[in-house]
């Protein structure tokens, strides 16, 4: 692997900053009409699921824990320990 100390930057810090400013100023942005139409289309096609249910993380953790216990029990049974 190459150490980062061995690589010399192709641009000086000042040149890199100028390049960053030029690239940000020339960044292509969709036209406002397109963005508005896209927003309206996405809002119209929203399935309306709403926010996540309460305690979603706890429910997922419980199901994952139950699955893990079943896998461990299956492994123990296959090994002949049960």
Protein backbone atom coordinates (compact mmCIF):
# COMPACT_ATOMS: atom_id res chain seq x y z
CA UNK A 1 0.00 0.00 0.00
CA UNK A 2 1.05 3.55 -0.49
CA UNK A 3 1.47 5.77 2.51
CA UNK A 4 -0.45 9.01 2.34
CA UNK A 5 2.78 10.90 3.07
CA UNK A 6 4.27 9.67 -0.22
CA UNK A 7 1.54 11.22 -2.36
CA UNK A 8 2.03 14.81 -3.36
CA UNK A 9 -1.17 16.71 -4.05
CA UNK A 10 -1.58 17.76 -7.66
CA UNK A 11 -3.16 21.05 -6.57
CA UNK A 12 -2.11 23.51 -3.97
CA UNK A 13 -4.57 24.36 -1.21
CA UNK A 14 -5.41 27.66 -2.90
CA UNK A 15 -5.98 26.00 -6.29
CA UNK A 16 -8.16 23.33 -4.68
CA UNK A 17 -10.30 26.00 -3.04
CA UNK A 18 -10.71 27.88 -6.34
CA UNK A 19 -11.65 24.63 -8.08
CA UNK A 20 -14.18 23.83 -5.35
CA UNK A 21 -15.82 27.23 -5.74
CA UNK A 22 -15.97 26.90 -9.54
CA UNK A 23 -17.48 23.41 -9.37
CA UNK A 24 -20.11 24.50 -6.83
CA UNK A 25 -21.07 27.51 -8.92
CA UNK A 26 -21.34 25.48 -12.12
CA UNK A 27 -23.22 22.55 -10.58
CA UNK A 28 -26.20 21.63 -12.76
CA UNK A 29 -29.54 22.09 -11.03
CA UNK A 30 -32.87 21.05 -12.56
CA UNK A 31 -35.19 23.84 -13.62
CA UNK A 32 -37.72 25.03 -11.01
CA UNK A 33 -40.64 23.83 -13.15
CA UNK A 34 -39.21 20.31 -13.28
CA UNK A 35 -38.56 20.25 -9.53
CA UNK A 36 -42.09 21.45 -8.81
CA UNK A 37 -43.63 18.87 -11.13
CA UNK A 38 -41.50 16.14 -9.60
CA UNK A 39 -42.55 17.15 -6.08
CA UNK A 40 -46.22 17.13 -7.05
CA UNK A 41 -45.88 13.73 -8.73
CA UNK A 42 -44.14 12.23 -5.69
CA UNK A 43 -46.76 13.69 -3.35
CA UNK A 44 -49.56 12.29 -5.52
CA UNK A 45 -48.01 8.81 -5.65
CA UNK A 46 -47.35 8.67 -1.89
CA UNK A 47 -48.97 5.47 -0.59
CA UNK A 48 -49.73 7.20 2.70
CA UNK A 49 -48.14 4.71 5.05
CA UNK A 50 -47.53 7.47 7.55
CA UNK A 51 -44.93 7.47 10.29
CA UNK A 52 -43.28 4.36 11.66
CA UNK A 53 -45.13 2.49 14.39
CA UNK A 54 -44.23 3.12 17.99
CA UNK A 55 -41.67 0.74 19.48
CA UNK A 56 -40.56 -0.47 16.05
CA UNK A 57 -36.96 -0.99 17.13
CA UNK A 58 -38.03 -2.98 20.18
CA UNK A 59 -40.36 -5.16 18.11
CA UNK A 60 -37.66 -5.86 15.51
CA UNK A 61 -35.14 -6.62 18.26
CA UNK A 62 -37.56 -9.07 19.90
CA UNK A 63 -38.23 -10.89 16.63
CA UNK A 64 -34.51 -11.00 15.82
CA UNK A 65 -33.78 -12.32 19.31
CA UNK A 66 -36.45 -14.99 18.99
CA UNK A 67 -35.02 -16.05 15.62
CA UNK A 68 -31.53 -16.22 17.09
CA UNK A 69 -32.74 -18.41 19.95
CA UNK A 70 -34.44 -20.76 17.47
CA UNK A 71 -31.28 -21.00 15.36
CA UNK A 72 -29.21 -21.79 18.46
CA UNK A 73 -31.69 -24.43 19.58
CA UNK A 74 -31.65 -25.96 16.09
CA UNK A 75 -27.86 -26.04 16.13
CA UNK A 76 -27.79 -27.66 19.54
CA UNK A 77 -30.32 -30.25 18.43
CA UNK A 78 -28.37 -30.99 15.26
CA UNK A 79 -25.19 -31.38 17.31
CA UNK A 80 -26.96 -33.85 19.61
CA UNK A 81 -26.63 -31.67 22.70
CA UNK A 82 -30.40 -31.64 23.21
